Amino acid sequence: MSSPSATQNTYPYQNEPTWSKSEKAIARTAFDAALKRELQDVMRETKQMANQIKEPADVWELEHYLTERRKEINRKYDYRYSQLTHVFGRLLYEKRLGEEELGGLREDKLKSIRSFAKFLAEDTAA
């Protein structure tokens, strides 16, 4: 899979959408739910790795895993409204977010989100 920043740079520019108060609430709920699920996955994986520690080097492997995951999550979860259609598109593509969680967003935003998810799928397949 190509890096998100490289992918975002090649994706056609979208005009920055405006977000109504109700859409902001929907977006925040969906964003927080996806982040919570991803962090729960990290915690589960960390516990599994910790249970398999046998040697001192295994501790550093766990630390490396956590550092890399933190960096990835910090890059991925950008709650600026100008970035949310890309964030949600990526989360939809990764199946970290269901389209039903975005119900209530205007169709133009949903179309942009679906389009970016499709773009990522096609970019990965190439």
N, C-alpha and C. Protein backbone atom coordinates (compact mmCIF):
# COMPACT_ATOMS: atom_id res chain seq x y z
N MET A 1 0.85 -1.17 0.00
CA MET A 1 0.00 0.00 0.00
C MET A 1 0.89 1.24 0.00
N SER A 2 0.58 2.19 -0.81
CA SER A 2 1.39 3.40 -0.87
C SER A 2 1.09 4.27 0.34
N SER A 3 2.01 5.16 0.65
CA SER A 3 1.84 6.01 1.82
C SER A 3 0.69 6.98 1.61
N PRO A 4 -0.02 7.35 2.71
CA PRO A 4 -1.16 8.24 2.58
C PRO A 4 -0.78 9.60 2.02
N SER A 5 0.38 10.13 2.41
CA SER A 5 0.75 11.45 1.91
C SER A 5 1.02 11.42 0.42
N ALA A 6 1.66 10.36 -0.07
CA ALA A 6 1.91 10.25 -1.50
C ALA A 6 0.60 10.10 -2.25
N THR A 7 -0.30 9.31 -1.71
CA THR A 7 -1.59 9.10 -2.34
C THR A 7 -2.40 10.38 -2.36
N GLN A 8 -2.42 11.09 -1.25
CA GLN A 8 -3.20 12.32 -1.17
C GLN A 8 -2.67 13.36 -2.15
N ASN A 9 -1.37 13.36 -2.40
CA ASN A 9 -0.81 14.34 -3.32
C ASN A 9 -1.20 14.08 -4.76
N THR A 10 -1.54 12.85 -5.10
CA THR A 10 -1.90 12.54 -6.47
C THR A 10 -3.40 12.53 -6.69
N TYR A 11 -4.17 12.58 -5.64
CA TYR A 11 -5.63 12.57 -5.75
C TYR A 11 -6.09 13.93 -6.24
N PRO A 12 -7.05 13.97 -7.16
CA PRO A 12 -7.52 15.25 -7.67
C PRO A 12 -8.01 16.16 -6.55
N TYR A 13 -7.66 17.42 -6.64
CA TYR A 13 -8.02 18.40 -5.63
C TYR A 13 -9.53 18.53 -5.52
N GLN A 14 -10.01 18.55 -4.31
CA GLN A 14 -11.43 18.75 -4.04
C GLN A 14 -11.60 20.10 -3.35
N ASN A 15 -12.64 20.84 -3.72
CA ASN A 15 -12.94 22.07 -3.01
C ASN A 15 -13.25 21.72 -1.57
N GLU A 16 -12.77 22.55 -0.66
CA GLU A 16 -12.99 22.28 0.75
C GLU A 16 -14.48 22.44 1.07
N PRO A 17 -15.10 21.38 1.59
CA PRO A 17 -16.53 21.46 1.90
C PRO A 17 -16.79 22.23 3.19
N THR A 18 -17.99 22.74 3.30
CA THR A 18 -18.41 23.36 4.56
C THR A 18 -19.16 22.30 5.36
N TRP A 19 -19.11 22.43 6.65
CA TRP A 19 -19.70 21.44 7.54
C TRP A 19 -20.76 22.12 8.41
N SER A 20 -21.98 21.62 8.35
CA SER A 20 -23.05 22.13 9.21
C SER A 20 -22.81 21.64 10.64
N LYS A 21 -23.53 22.22 11.57
CA LYS A 21 -23.39 21.82 12.97
C LYS A 21 -23.73 20.34 13.14
N SER A 22 -24.80 19.88 12.49
CA SER A 22 -25.17 18.46 12.63
C SER A 22 -24.14 17.56 11.96
N GLU A 23 -23.57 17.98 10.83
CA GLU A 23 -22.54 17.19 10.17
C GLU A 23 -21.28 17.12 11.02
N LYS A 24 -20.95 18.20 11.69
CA LYS A 24 -19.79 18.20 12.57
C LYS A 24 -19.98 17.18 13.70
N ALA A 25 -21.19 17.10 14.23
CA ALA A 25 -21.48 16.13 15.30
C ALA A 25 -21.37 14.70 14.77
N ILE A 26 -21.90 14.44 13.59
CA ILE A 26 -21.81 13.12 12.96
C ILE A 26 -20.34 12.76 12.70
N ALA A 27 -19.61 13.73 12.16
CA ALA A 27 -18.19 13.50 11.85
C ALA A 27 -17.40 13.19 13.11
N ARG A 28 -17.64 13.94 14.17
CA ARG A 28 -16.90 13.72 15.43
C ARG A 28 -17.20 12.34 15.98
N THR A 29 -18.47 11.94 15.96
CA THR A 29 -18.85 10.62 16.48
C THR A 29 -18.19 9.51 15.66
N ALA A 30 -18.24 9.62 14.34
CA ALA A 30 -17.64 8.60 13.47
C ALA A 30 -16.12 8.56 13.65
N PHE A 31 -15.50 9.72 13.69
CA PHE A 31 -14.05 9.83 13.86
C PHE A 31 -13.62 9.17 15.17
N ASP A 32 -14.30 9.56 16.26
CA ASP A 32 -13.95 9.02 17.58
C ASP A 32 -14.16 7.51 17.66
N ALA A 33 -15.24 7.02 17.02
CA ALA A 33 -15.50 5.57 17.04
C ALA A 33 -14.41 4.81 16.29
N ALA A 34 -14.02 5.31 15.13
CA ALA A 34 -12.96 4.65 14.35
C ALA A 34 -11.63 4.67 15.11
N LEU A 35 -11.30 5.81 15.70
CA LEU A 35 -10.07 5.91 16.47
C LEU A 35 -10.09 4.95 17.65
N LYS A 36 -11.21 4.90 18.35
CA LYS A 36 -11.33 4.00 19.49
C LYS A 36 -11.14 2.54 19.06
N ARG A 37 -11.75 2.15 17.93
CA ARG A 37 -11.58 0.78 17.44
C ARG A 37 -10.12 0.50 17.09
N GLU A 38 -9.47 1.47 16.45
CA GLU A 38 -8.07 1.25 16.08
C GLU A 38 -7.19 1.14 17.32
N LEU A 39 -7.43 1.97 18.31
CA LEU A 39 -6.64 1.91 19.54
C LEU A 39 -6.90 0.61 20.30
N GLN A 40 -8.13 0.12 20.24
CA GLN A 40 -8.43 -1.18 20.87
C GLN A 40 -7.65 -2.29 20.17
N ASP A 41 -7.54 -2.21 18.84
CA ASP A 41 -6.73 -3.19 18.10
C ASP A 41 -5.27 -3.12 18.53
N VAL A 42 -4.75 -1.91 18.70
CA VAL A 42 -3.36 -1.75 19.13
C VAL A 42 -3.17 -2.36 20.52
N MET A 43 -4.13 -2.09 21.41
CA MET A 43 -4.02 -2.65 22.77
C MET A 43 -4.05 -4.18 22.74
N ARG A 44 -4.93 -4.76 21.93
CA ARG A 44 -5.02 -6.21 21.82
C ARG A 44 -3.70 -6.79 21.28
N GLU A 45 -3.19 -6.18 20.22
CA GLU A 45 -1.94 -6.65 19.62
C GLU A 45 -0.77 -6.48 20.60
N THR A 46 -0.78 -5.39 21.35
CA THR A 46 0.29 -5.14 22.32
C THR A 46 0.28 -6.20 23.42
N LYS A 47 -0.90 -6.53 23.90
CA LYS A 47 -1.00 -7.57 24.94
C LYS A 47 -0.51 -8.91 24.42
N GLN A 48 -0.86 -9.23 23.17
CA GLN A 48 -0.39 -10.49 22.58
C GLN A 48 1.13 -10.50 22.48
N MET A 49 1.69 -9.39 22.02
CA MET A 49 3.15 -9.31 21.90
C MET A 49 3.81 -9.37 23.27
N ALA A 50 3.24 -8.67 24.24
CA ALA A 50 3.82 -8.65 25.59
C ALA A 50 3.82 -10.05 26.20
N ASN A 51 2.78 -10.81 25.93
CA ASN A 51 2.71 -12.18 26.47
C ASN A 51 3.74 -13.11 25.85
N GLN A 52 4.32 -12.71 24.72
CA GLN A 52 5.31 -13.55 24.04
C GLN A 52 6.74 -13.09 24.29
N ILE A 53 6.92 -12.11 25.15
CA ILE A 53 8.28 -11.62 25.44
C ILE A 53 9.06 -12.69 26.19
N LYS A 54 10.18 -13.05 25.60
CA LYS A 54 11.07 -14.07 26.19
C LYS A 54 12.48 -13.52 26.41
N GLU A 55 12.87 -12.58 25.58
CA GLU A 55 14.23 -12.05 25.59
C GLU A 55 14.17 -10.52 25.69
N PRO A 56 15.23 -9.88 26.19
CA PRO A 56 15.25 -8.42 26.24
C PRO A 56 15.00 -7.76 24.88
N ALA A 57 15.47 -8.39 23.81
CA ALA A 57 15.27 -7.82 22.47
C ALA A 57 13.78 -7.73 22.12
N ASP A 58 12.99 -8.64 22.69
CA ASP A 58 11.55 -8.62 22.44
C ASP A 58 10.90 -7.35 22.99
N VAL A 59 11.46 -6.83 24.07
CA VAL A 59 10.94 -5.58 24.65
C VAL A 59 11.12 -4.43 23.65
N TRP A 60 12.29 -4.40 23.02
CA TRP A 60 12.56 -3.31 22.07
C TRP A 60 11.73 -3.48 20.80
N GLU A 61 11.44 -4.70 20.45
CA GLU A 61 10.56 -4.95 19.30
C GLU A 61 9.15 -4.42 19.60
N LEU A 62 8.70 -4.64 20.81
CA LEU A 62 7.39 -4.12 21.23
C LEU A 62 7.40 -2.59 21.23
N GLU A 63 8.47 -2.02 21.74
CA GLU A 63 8.58 -0.56 21.77
C GLU A 63 8.57 0.01 20.35
N HIS A 64 9.27 -0.64 19.44
CA HIS A 64 9.31 -0.20 18.05
C HIS A 64 7.91 -0.28 17.43
N TYR A 65 7.23 -1.38 17.66
CA TYR A 65 5.86 -1.54 17.16
C TYR A 65 4.97 -0.40 17.65
N LEU A 66 5.02 -0.12 18.94
CA LEU A 66 4.17 0.93 19.51
C LEU A 66 4.52 2.31 18.95
N THR A 67 5.79 2.58 18.79
CA THR A 67 6.22 3.88 18.23
C THR A 67 5.71 4.04 16.80
N GLU A 68 5.86 3.00 16.00
CA GLU A 68 5.41 3.07 14.61
C GLU A 68 3.89 3.20 14.52
N ARG A 69 3.18 2.46 15.33
CA ARG A 69 1.71 2.55 15.33
C ARG A 69 1.25 3.95 15.77
N ARG A 70 1.91 4.51 16.78
CA ARG A 70 1.55 5.86 17.23
C ARG A 70 1.75 6.87 16.10
N LYS A 71 2.87 6.77 15.40
CA LYS A 71 3.14 7.68 14.29
C LYS A 71 2.08 7.52 13.20
N GLU A 72 1.76 6.29 12.85
CA GLU A 72 0.76 6.02 11.82
C GLU A 72 -0.61 6.57 12.21
N ILE A 73 -1.00 6.34 13.45
CA ILE A 73 -2.30 6.82 13.92
C ILE A 73 -2.33 8.34 13.97
N ASN A 74 -1.27 8.95 14.41
CA ASN A 74 -1.22 10.42 14.45
C ASN A 74 -1.30 11.03 13.06
N ARG A 75 -0.72 10.38 12.07
CA ARG A 75 -0.82 10.87 10.68
C ARG A 75 -2.20 10.64 10.11
N LYS A 76 -2.79 9.51 10.42
CA LYS A 76 -4.06 9.12 9.83
C LYS A 76 -5.24 9.93 10.39
N TYR A 77 -5.28 10.13 11.68
CA TYR A 77 -6.45 10.74 12.33
C TYR A 77 -6.24 12.25 12.46
N ASP A 78 -6.58 12.94 11.40
CA ASP A 78 -6.44 14.41 11.31
C ASP A 78 -7.85 14.99 11.29
N TYR A 79 -8.24 15.63 12.39
CA TYR A 79 -9.61 16.12 12.49
C TYR A 79 -9.77 17.56 12.02
N ARG A 80 -9.03 17.97 11.04
CA ARG A 80 -9.30 19.27 10.42
C ARG A 80 -10.39 19.04 9.39
N TYR A 81 -11.38 19.93 9.38
CA TYR A 81 -12.51 19.76 8.47
C TYR A 81 -12.05 19.68 7.02
N SER A 82 -10.98 20.37 6.70
CA SER A 82 -10.46 20.34 5.32
C SER A 82 -9.91 18.96 4.96
N GLN A 83 -9.64 18.12 5.95
CA GLN A 83 -9.04 16.81 5.71
C GLN A 83 -10.01 15.65 5.91
N LEU A 84 -11.18 15.92 6.48
CA LEU A 84 -12.05 14.83 6.90
C LEU A 84 -12.54 13.94 5.76
N THR A 85 -12.80 14.49 4.58
CA THR A 85 -13.25 13.60 3.51
C THR A 85 -12.16 12.59 3.16
N HIS A 86 -10.90 13.01 3.19
CA HIS A 86 -9.79 12.08 2.94
C HIS A 86 -9.62 11.10 4.10
N VAL A 87 -9.73 11.61 5.32
CA VAL A 87 -9.60 10.74 6.49
C VAL A 87 -10.70 9.68 6.45
N PHE A 88 -11.94 10.11 6.23
CA PHE A 88 -13.04 9.15 6.20
C PHE A 88 -12.92 8.21 5.01
N GLY A 89 -12.46 8.70 3.88
CA GLY A 89 -12.24 7.83 2.73
C GLY A 89 -11.24 6.74 3.03
N ARG A 90 -10.16 7.11 3.69
CA ARG A 90 -9.14 6.12 4.05
C ARG A 90 -9.69 5.12 5.07
N LEU A 91 -10.41 5.62 6.06
CA LEU A 91 -10.97 4.73 7.08
C LEU A 91 -12.01 3.80 6.48
N LEU A 92 -12.77 4.29 5.52
CA LEU A 92 -13.74 3.46 4.81
C LEU A 92 -13.00 2.38 4.01
N TYR A 93 -11.97 2.79 3.29
CA TYR A 93 -11.15 1.85 2.52
C TYR A 93 -10.54 0.77 3.42
N GLU A 94 -10.06 1.17 4.59
CA GLU A 94 -9.43 0.23 5.52
C GLU A 94 -10.44 -0.58 6.33
N LYS A 95 -11.72 -0.29 6.13
CA LYS A 95 -12.81 -0.94 6.86
C LYS A 95 -12.73 -0.67 8.36
N ARG A 96 -12.21 0.47 8.70
CA ARG A 96 -12.19 0.93 10.09
C ARG A 96 -13.44 1.76 10.40
N LEU A 97 -14.19 2.05 9.34
CA LEU A 97 -15.38 2.87 9.46
C LEU A 97 -16.40 2.32 8.48
N GLY A 98 -17.64 2.22 8.93
CA GLY A 98 -18.71 1.79 8.03
C GLY A 98 -19.43 3.01 7.46
N GLU A 99 -19.86 2.90 6.22
CA GLU A 99 -20.53 4.02 5.59
C GLU A 99 -21.77 4.43 6.36
N GLU A 100 -22.42 3.48 7.03
CA GLU A 100 -23.61 3.80 7.82
C GLU A 100 -23.30 4.78 8.96
N GLU A 101 -22.04 4.80 9.41
CA GLU A 101 -21.66 5.73 10.48
C GLU A 101 -21.60 7.17 9.99
N LEU A 102 -21.60 7.33 8.68
CA LEU A 102 -21.54 8.67 8.09
C LEU A 102 -22.92 9.15 7.64
N GLY A 103 -23.94 8.37 7.94
CA GLY A 103 -25.30 8.75 7.58
C GLY A 103 -25.65 10.11 8.17
N GLY A 104 -26.22 10.96 7.35
CA GLY A 104 -26.56 12.31 7.79
C GLY A 104 -25.65 13.36 7.18
N LEU A 105 -24.51 12.92 6.60
CA LEU A 105 -23.66 13.87 5.89
C LEU A 105 -24.30 14.16 4.53
N ARG A 106 -24.05 15.34 4.02
CA ARG A 106 -24.59 15.69 2.70
C ARG A 106 -24.01 14.76 1.64
N GLU A 107 -24.79 14.56 0.60
CA GLU A 107 -24.41 13.63 -0.46
C GLU A 107 -23.09 14.01 -1.12
N ASP A 108 -22.79 15.31 -1.25
CA ASP A 108 -21.53 15.71 -1.88
C ASP A 108 -20.33 15.23 -1.06
N LYS A 109 -20.45 15.27 0.26
CA LYS A 109 -19.36 14.77 1.11
C LYS A 109 -19.25 13.26 1.00
N LEU A 110 -20.39 12.58 1.05
CA LEU A 110 -20.37 11.12 0.93
C LEU A 110 -19.77 10.69 -0.40
N LYS A 111 -20.11 11.41 -1.46
CA LYS A 111 -19.57 11.09 -2.77
C LYS A 111 -18.05 11.28 -2.77
N SER A 112 -17.58 12.34 -2.16
CA SER A 112 -16.14 12.59 -2.09
C SER A 112 -15.43 11.52 -1.26
N ILE A 113 -16.05 11.12 -0.16
CA ILE A 113 -15.48 10.09 0.71
C ILE A 113 -15.41 8.76 -0.04
N ARG A 114 -16.51 8.39 -0.69
CA ARG A 114 -16.53 7.13 -1.47
C ARG A 114 -15.50 7.18 -2.60
N SER A 115 -15.40 8.33 -3.24
CA SER A 115 -14.47 8.49 -4.35
C SER A 115 -13.03 8.30 -3.88
N PHE A 116 -12.69 8.86 -2.73
CA PHE A 116 -11.33 8.70 -2.22
C PHE A 116 -11.06 7.26 -1.81
N ALA A 117 -12.04 6.60 -1.19
CA ALA A 117 -11.88 5.19 -0.83
C ALA A 117 -11.66 4.35 -2.09
N LYS A 118 -12.42 4.63 -3.13
CA LYS A 118 -12.28 3.91 -4.39
C LYS A 118 -10.90 4.18 -5.01
N PHE A 119 -10.47 5.43 -4.95
CA PHE A 119 -9.15 5.80 -5.46
C PHE A 119 -8.05 5.00 -4.76
N LEU A 120 -8.15 4.89 -3.43
CA LEU A 120 -7.14 4.13 -2.67
C LEU A 120 -7.17 2.66 -3.06
N ALA A 121 -8.35 2.11 -3.26
CA ALA A 121 -8.47 0.71 -3.66
C ALA A 121 -7.85 0.48 -5.03
N GLU A 122 -8.11 1.38 -5.95
CA GLU A 122 -7.55 1.26 -7.30
C GLU A 122 -6.05 1.48 -7.28
N ASP A 123 -5.58 2.42 -6.46
CA ASP A 123 -4.14 2.72 -6.37
C ASP A 123 -3.40 1.51 -5.79
N THR A 124 -4.00 0.84 -4.84
CA THR A 124 -3.38 -0.32 -4.22
C THR A 124 -3.37 -1.51 -5.17
N ALA A 125 -4.43 -1.63 -5.97
CA ALA A 125 -4.53 -2.75 -6.91
C ALA A 125 -3.53 -2.62 -8.07
N ALA A 126 -3.11 -1.40 -8.36
CA ALA A 126 -2.22 -1.17 -9.51
C ALA A 126 -0.79 -1.61 -9.24
